[in-house]
Amino acid sequence: MNDKERLNAVSRIMLSSPYAARLYSFLSEHVDDGGIVLASRATLAAHLGIAEITVRRAADFLESQGELIQVKIGGGVYAYALNVEPLKKSLRIGGECIALNAKVLAPKDRYNRDVGARLRAMKAAA
């Protein structure tokens, strides 16, 4: 989906659900080249300044409108696919899992504050 198509989608969604439009816009800014982003509802809620239930309702609305597909990963984490082609390819793999290539959004919280320092330490040790 190109930028013009995304803008048209956001404009169309905005008329029905401003929260869904905000979520769609945020996700479209952070998707990988394949159109998929992996994030927890808590992370999305924090970035958007809304409640997790509002994120769920907005994502459900977007899915009902055919604008995205949600794939539950676990623990409130979902893959949000704005481009269904990579998702279709992953379903052909078979077996018990769906293989996805996605950009991951993680919060810079107490667990992830020192990721930069850990990366530098790993590089120095190599």
N, C-alpha and C. Protein backbone atom coordinates (compact mmCIF):
# COMPACT_ATOMS: atom_id res chain seq x y z
N MET A 1 0.85 -1.17 0.00
CA MET A 1 0.00 0.00 0.00
C MET A 1 0.90 1.24 0.00
N ASN A 2 0.64 2.16 -0.90
CA ASN A 2 1.45 3.36 -0.96
C ASN A 2 0.91 4.44 -0.03
N ASP A 3 1.65 5.54 0.07
CA ASP A 3 1.28 6.61 1.00
C ASP A 3 -0.09 7.21 0.69
N LYS A 4 -0.39 7.37 -0.59
CA LYS A 4 -1.69 7.94 -0.97
C LYS A 4 -2.83 7.02 -0.54
N GLU A 5 -2.66 5.72 -0.74
CA GLU A 5 -3.68 4.76 -0.34
C GLU A 5 -3.87 4.75 1.18
N ARG A 6 -2.75 4.85 1.93
CA ARG A 6 -2.84 4.90 3.39
C ARG A 6 -3.57 6.16 3.84
N LEU A 7 -3.27 7.29 3.21
CA LEU A 7 -3.93 8.54 3.56
C LEU A 7 -5.42 8.46 3.28
N ASN A 8 -5.79 7.88 2.16
CA ASN A 8 -7.21 7.70 1.84
C ASN A 8 -7.89 6.80 2.87
N ALA A 9 -7.20 5.74 3.28
CA ALA A 9 -7.76 4.82 4.28
C ALA A 9 -7.97 5.55 5.60
N VAL A 10 -6.97 6.33 6.04
CA VAL A 10 -7.09 7.07 7.30
C VAL A 10 -8.25 8.06 7.22
N SER A 11 -8.38 8.76 6.10
CA SER A 11 -9.47 9.73 5.94
C SER A 11 -10.83 9.05 6.03
N ARG A 12 -10.95 7.90 5.38
CA ARG A 12 -12.21 7.14 5.39
C ARG A 12 -12.53 6.64 6.80
N ILE A 13 -11.52 6.13 7.49
CA ILE A 13 -11.71 5.59 8.84
C ILE A 13 -12.04 6.70 9.83
N MET A 14 -11.42 7.87 9.66
CA MET A 14 -11.60 9.00 10.57
C MET A 14 -13.08 9.37 10.72
N LEU A 15 -13.83 9.23 9.65
CA LEU A 15 -15.25 9.57 9.70
C LEU A 15 -16.03 8.65 10.63
N SER A 16 -15.62 7.40 10.72
CA SER A 16 -16.34 6.42 11.54
C SER A 16 -15.76 6.25 12.93
N SER A 17 -14.43 6.31 13.05
CA SER A 17 -13.79 6.03 14.33
C SER A 17 -12.45 6.75 14.42
N PRO A 18 -12.42 7.90 15.08
CA PRO A 18 -11.16 8.64 15.22
C PRO A 18 -10.06 7.83 15.91
N TYR A 19 -10.41 7.02 16.91
CA TYR A 19 -9.39 6.20 17.58
C TYR A 19 -8.81 5.16 16.63
N ALA A 20 -9.67 4.57 15.81
CA ALA A 20 -9.20 3.59 14.82
C ALA A 20 -8.29 4.28 13.81
N ALA A 21 -8.63 5.50 13.43
CA ALA A 21 -7.78 6.24 12.49
C ALA A 21 -6.42 6.53 13.11
N ARG A 22 -6.39 6.89 14.39
CA ARG A 22 -5.11 7.14 15.06
C ARG A 22 -4.28 5.87 15.13
N LEU A 23 -4.92 4.76 15.47
CA LEU A 23 -4.21 3.48 15.54
C LEU A 23 -3.67 3.10 14.16
N TYR A 24 -4.49 3.20 13.14
CA TYR A 24 -4.08 2.85 11.78
C TYR A 24 -2.90 3.71 11.33
N SER A 25 -2.99 4.99 11.60
CA SER A 25 -1.93 5.91 11.23
C SER A 25 -0.63 5.55 11.93
N PHE A 26 -0.70 5.27 13.24
CA PHE A 26 0.48 4.91 14.01
C PHE A 26 1.09 3.61 13.49
N LEU A 27 0.26 2.61 13.27
CA LEU A 27 0.76 1.33 12.76
C LEU A 27 1.40 1.50 11.38
N SER A 28 0.76 2.29 10.52
CA SER A 28 1.29 2.45 9.17
C SER A 28 2.63 3.17 9.17
N GLU A 29 2.89 3.99 10.19
CA GLU A 29 4.18 4.67 10.31
C GLU A 29 5.27 3.71 10.78
N HIS A 30 4.90 2.60 11.41
CA HIS A 30 5.87 1.70 12.02
C HIS A 30 5.95 0.31 11.41
N VAL A 31 5.23 0.05 10.34
CA VAL A 31 5.28 -1.27 9.72
C VAL A 31 6.62 -1.51 9.06
N ASP A 32 6.98 -2.78 8.92
CA ASP A 32 8.19 -3.12 8.16
C ASP A 32 7.84 -3.10 6.68
N ASP A 33 8.77 -3.47 5.84
CA ASP A 33 8.54 -3.46 4.40
C ASP A 33 7.42 -4.40 3.98
N GLY A 34 7.18 -5.42 4.79
CA GLY A 34 6.12 -6.37 4.48
C GLY A 34 4.74 -5.94 4.96
N GLY A 35 4.67 -4.82 5.67
CA GLY A 35 3.37 -4.32 6.12
C GLY A 35 2.89 -4.91 7.43
N ILE A 36 3.82 -5.46 8.24
CA ILE A 36 3.43 -6.09 9.51
C ILE A 36 4.22 -5.46 10.65
N VAL A 37 3.54 -5.18 11.74
CA VAL A 37 4.20 -4.69 12.96
C VAL A 37 3.71 -5.53 14.13
N LEU A 38 4.62 -5.84 15.05
CA LEU A 38 4.33 -6.64 16.23
C LEU A 38 4.40 -5.73 17.43
N ALA A 39 3.33 -5.68 18.23
CA ALA A 39 3.31 -4.81 19.40
C ALA A 39 2.27 -5.29 20.40
N SER A 40 2.50 -4.95 21.66
CA SER A 40 1.49 -5.25 22.67
C SER A 40 0.45 -4.13 22.65
N ARG A 41 -0.73 -4.48 23.10
CA ARG A 41 -1.77 -3.45 23.21
C ARG A 41 -1.38 -2.39 24.23
N ALA A 42 -0.65 -2.80 25.26
CA ALA A 42 -0.20 -1.84 26.27
C ALA A 42 0.76 -0.82 25.66
N THR A 43 1.68 -1.28 24.82
CA THR A 43 2.62 -0.37 24.17
C THR A 43 1.88 0.59 23.24
N LEU A 44 0.95 0.07 22.46
CA LEU A 44 0.18 0.93 21.57
C LEU A 44 -0.65 1.94 22.36
N ALA A 45 -1.27 1.48 23.45
CA ALA A 45 -2.07 2.37 24.28
C ALA A 45 -1.21 3.50 24.86
N ALA A 46 -0.02 3.16 25.31
CA ALA A 46 0.88 4.17 25.88
C ALA A 46 1.29 5.19 24.83
N HIS A 47 1.62 4.73 23.64
CA HIS A 47 2.03 5.66 22.57
C HIS A 47 0.89 6.55 22.11
N LEU A 48 -0.32 6.01 22.12
CA LEU A 48 -1.47 6.77 21.63
C LEU A 48 -2.19 7.55 22.73
N GLY A 49 -1.84 7.28 23.99
CA GLY A 49 -2.49 7.97 25.10
C GLY A 49 -3.94 7.57 25.29
N ILE A 50 -4.22 6.29 25.04
CA ILE A 50 -5.58 5.78 25.19
C ILE A 50 -5.52 4.47 26.00
N ALA A 51 -6.67 3.96 26.39
CA ALA A 51 -6.74 2.71 27.17
C ALA A 51 -6.55 1.50 26.26
N GLU A 52 -6.08 0.41 26.85
CA GLU A 52 -5.88 -0.83 26.08
C GLU A 52 -7.19 -1.32 25.47
N ILE A 53 -8.29 -1.18 26.18
CA ILE A 53 -9.59 -1.61 25.64
C ILE A 53 -9.94 -0.80 24.40
N THR A 54 -9.53 0.47 24.38
CA THR A 54 -9.78 1.32 23.21
C THR A 54 -8.93 0.84 22.04
N VAL A 55 -7.70 0.41 22.31
CA VAL A 55 -6.86 -0.16 21.25
C VAL A 55 -7.52 -1.41 20.70
N ARG A 56 -8.01 -2.27 21.58
CA ARG A 56 -8.67 -3.50 21.13
C ARG A 56 -9.89 -3.19 20.26
N ARG A 57 -10.70 -2.27 20.72
CA ARG A 57 -11.91 -1.91 19.95
C ARG A 57 -11.55 -1.29 18.61
N ALA A 58 -10.53 -0.42 18.61
CA ALA A 58 -10.10 0.22 17.36
C ALA A 58 -9.55 -0.82 16.39
N ALA A 59 -8.73 -1.76 16.90
CA ALA A 59 -8.18 -2.80 16.04
C ALA A 59 -9.29 -3.71 15.51
N ASP A 60 -10.25 -4.05 16.37
CA ASP A 60 -11.38 -4.88 15.93
C ASP A 60 -12.18 -4.16 14.84
N PHE A 61 -12.37 -2.85 15.01
CA PHE A 61 -13.09 -2.06 14.00
C PHE A 61 -12.32 -2.09 12.68
N LEU A 62 -11.01 -1.85 12.75
CA LEU A 62 -10.19 -1.85 11.53
C LEU A 62 -10.24 -3.20 10.84
N GLU A 63 -10.22 -4.27 11.64
CA GLU A 63 -10.29 -5.60 11.03
C GLU A 63 -11.66 -5.82 10.38
N SER A 64 -12.72 -5.36 11.03
CA SER A 64 -14.06 -5.52 10.46
C SER A 64 -14.22 -4.74 9.15
N GLN A 65 -13.42 -3.67 8.99
CA GLN A 65 -13.47 -2.86 7.78
C GLN A 65 -12.50 -3.35 6.70
N GLY A 66 -11.76 -4.42 7.01
CA GLY A 66 -10.82 -4.97 6.04
C GLY A 66 -9.53 -4.18 5.90
N GLU A 67 -9.20 -3.37 6.92
CA GLU A 67 -8.00 -2.54 6.84
C GLU A 67 -6.77 -3.20 7.45
N LEU A 68 -6.96 -4.19 8.31
CA LEU A 68 -5.84 -4.93 8.89
C LEU A 68 -6.31 -6.29 9.36
N ILE A 69 -5.34 -7.13 9.65
CA ILE A 69 -5.61 -8.43 10.25
C ILE A 69 -4.77 -8.52 11.50
N GLN A 70 -5.39 -8.96 12.60
CA GLN A 70 -4.68 -9.14 13.86
C GLN A 70 -4.35 -10.63 14.03
N VAL A 71 -3.11 -10.91 14.42
CA VAL A 71 -2.71 -12.28 14.71
C VAL A 71 -2.21 -12.27 16.14
N LYS A 72 -2.90 -12.98 17.03
CA LYS A 72 -2.50 -13.02 18.43
C LYS A 72 -1.21 -13.81 18.58
N ILE A 73 -0.23 -13.18 19.22
CA ILE A 73 1.05 -13.83 19.48
C ILE A 73 1.03 -14.41 20.89
N GLY A 74 0.48 -13.67 21.84
CA GLY A 74 0.37 -14.12 23.23
C GLY A 74 0.63 -12.98 24.18
N GLY A 75 0.04 -13.05 25.37
CA GLY A 75 0.28 -12.05 26.40
C GLY A 75 -0.08 -10.63 26.00
N GLY A 76 -1.13 -10.45 25.23
CA GLY A 76 -1.52 -9.11 24.81
C GLY A 76 -0.72 -8.58 23.63
N VAL A 77 0.14 -9.43 23.06
CA VAL A 77 0.95 -9.03 21.90
C VAL A 77 0.30 -9.55 20.63
N TYR A 78 0.20 -8.68 19.65
CA TYR A 78 -0.41 -9.02 18.38
C TYR A 78 0.49 -8.61 17.24
N ALA A 79 0.40 -9.33 16.13
CA ALA A 79 0.96 -8.89 14.87
C ALA A 79 -0.18 -8.21 14.14
N TYR A 80 0.06 -6.99 13.69
CA TYR A 80 -0.94 -6.24 12.94
C TYR A 80 -0.47 -6.18 11.50
N ALA A 81 -1.22 -6.80 10.61
CA ALA A 81 -0.85 -6.86 9.19
C ALA A 81 -1.70 -5.86 8.41
N LEU A 82 -1.03 -4.84 7.89
CA LEU A 82 -1.73 -3.87 7.04
C LEU A 82 -1.65 -4.30 5.58
N ASN A 83 -0.72 -5.17 5.28
CA ASN A 83 -0.55 -5.73 3.95
C ASN A 83 -0.73 -7.23 4.09
N VAL A 84 -1.75 -7.79 3.47
CA VAL A 84 -2.08 -9.19 3.71
C VAL A 84 -1.22 -10.18 2.91
N GLU A 85 -0.49 -9.72 1.90
CA GLU A 85 0.29 -10.65 1.09
C GLU A 85 1.34 -11.42 1.90
N PRO A 86 2.16 -10.75 2.75
CA PRO A 86 3.12 -11.53 3.56
C PRO A 86 2.43 -12.51 4.49
N LEU A 87 1.25 -12.13 5.00
CA LEU A 87 0.51 -13.01 5.88
C LEU A 87 0.02 -14.23 5.11
N LYS A 88 -0.45 -14.04 3.89
CA LYS A 88 -0.88 -15.16 3.05
C LYS A 88 0.26 -16.14 2.83
N LYS A 89 1.47 -15.61 2.55
CA LYS A 89 2.64 -16.47 2.32
C LYS A 89 2.97 -17.27 3.57
N SER A 90 2.84 -16.66 4.73
CA SER A 90 3.18 -17.36 5.97
C SER A 90 2.21 -18.50 6.25
N LEU A 91 0.98 -18.36 5.82
CA LEU A 91 -0.01 -19.40 6.05
C LEU A 91 0.25 -20.64 5.21
N ARG A 92 1.00 -20.50 4.13
CA ARG A 92 1.31 -21.63 3.26
C ARG A 92 2.37 -22.55 3.87
N ILE A 93 3.03 -22.11 4.91
CA ILE A 93 4.11 -22.89 5.52
C ILE A 93 3.55 -24.16 6.15
N GLY A 94 2.37 -24.10 6.74
CA GLY A 94 1.76 -25.27 7.35
C GLY A 94 2.29 -25.52 8.74
N GLY A 95 1.93 -26.67 9.30
CA GLY A 95 2.36 -26.98 10.65
C GLY A 95 1.51 -26.28 11.69
N GLU A 96 2.05 -26.18 12.88
CA GLU A 96 1.32 -25.62 14.01
C GLU A 96 1.55 -24.12 14.22
N CYS A 97 2.43 -23.52 13.44
CA CYS A 97 2.79 -22.11 13.64
C CYS A 97 2.61 -21.32 12.36
N ILE A 98 2.47 -20.02 12.55
CA ILE A 98 2.48 -19.07 11.44
C ILE A 98 3.82 -18.34 11.54
N ALA A 99 4.60 -18.34 10.49
CA ALA A 99 5.89 -17.65 10.50
C ALA A 99 5.70 -16.25 9.94
N LEU A 100 6.06 -15.25 10.73
CA LEU A 100 5.91 -13.87 10.31
C LEU A 100 7.24 -13.14 10.40
N ASN A 101 7.50 -12.29 9.44
CA ASN A 101 8.59 -11.33 9.53
C ASN A 101 7.93 -10.00 9.84
N ALA A 102 8.29 -9.41 10.96
CA ALA A 102 7.62 -8.18 11.37
C ALA A 102 8.57 -7.24 12.09
N LYS A 103 8.24 -5.96 12.03
CA LYS A 103 8.92 -4.97 12.84
C LYS A 103 8.30 -5.06 14.23
N VAL A 104 9.13 -4.97 15.26
CA VAL A 104 8.66 -5.12 16.64
C VAL A 104 8.76 -3.78 17.37
N LEU A 105 7.66 -3.38 17.99
CA LEU A 105 7.67 -2.18 18.84
C LEU A 105 7.71 -2.64 20.29
N ALA A 106 8.74 -2.24 21.01
CA ALA A 106 8.88 -2.59 22.42
C ALA A 106 9.05 -1.31 23.22
N PRO A 107 8.47 -1.26 24.41
CA PRO A 107 8.60 -0.05 25.22
C PRO A 107 10.01 0.11 25.79
N LYS A 108 10.41 1.35 25.98
CA LYS A 108 11.68 1.63 26.66
C LYS A 108 11.36 1.74 28.14
N ASP A 109 11.08 0.61 28.74
CA ASP A 109 10.73 0.58 30.16
C ASP A 109 11.90 0.05 30.97
N ARG A 110 11.65 -0.29 32.21
CA ARG A 110 12.73 -0.74 33.10
C ARG A 110 13.42 -2.00 32.61
N TYR A 111 12.74 -2.79 31.80
CA TYR A 111 13.33 -4.01 31.27
C TYR A 111 14.23 -3.74 30.05
N ASN A 112 13.94 -2.69 29.33
CA ASN A 112 14.64 -2.42 28.08
C ASN A 112 15.51 -1.17 28.09
N ARG A 113 15.60 -0.49 29.22
CA ARG A 113 16.38 0.75 29.30
C ARG A 113 17.82 0.58 28.87
N ASP A 114 18.43 -0.54 29.22
CA ASP A 114 19.87 -0.71 28.98
C ASP A 114 20.19 -1.53 27.74
N VAL A 115 19.29 -1.63 26.79
CA VAL A 115 19.53 -2.42 25.59
C VAL A 115 20.76 -1.89 24.84
N GLY A 116 20.88 -0.58 24.72
CA GLY A 116 22.03 0.01 24.03
C GLY A 116 23.34 -0.38 24.68
N ALA A 117 23.40 -0.33 26.00
CA ALA A 117 24.62 -0.70 26.73
C ALA A 117 24.92 -2.19 26.54
N ARG A 118 23.89 -3.02 26.55
CA ARG A 118 24.09 -4.46 26.36
C ARG A 118 24.59 -4.76 24.96
N LEU A 119 24.08 -4.01 23.96
CA LEU A 119 24.55 -4.20 22.59
C LEU A 119 26.02 -3.80 22.45
N ARG A 120 26.38 -2.68 23.06
CA ARG A 120 27.77 -2.23 22.99
C ARG A 120 28.69 -3.24 23.68
N ALA A 121 28.26 -3.80 24.80
CA ALA A 121 29.06 -4.81 25.53
C ALA A 121 29.22 -6.07 24.68
N MET A 122 28.16 -6.46 24.00
CA MET A 122 28.22 -7.65 23.15
C MET A 122 29.18 -7.42 21.98
N LYS A 123 29.12 -6.23 21.39
CA LYS A 123 29.99 -5.89 20.26
C LYS A 123 31.45 -5.86 20.72
N ALA A 124 31.70 -5.31 21.91
CA ALA A 124 33.07 -5.22 22.44
C ALA A 124 33.63 -6.61 22.74
N ALA A 125 32.76 -7.53 23.14
CA ALA A 125 33.21 -8.88 23.48
C ALA A 125 33.50 -9.71 22.23
N ALA A 126 32.91 -9.32 21.11
CA ALA A 126 33.07 -10.11 19.88
C ALA A 126 34.42 -9.93 19.21
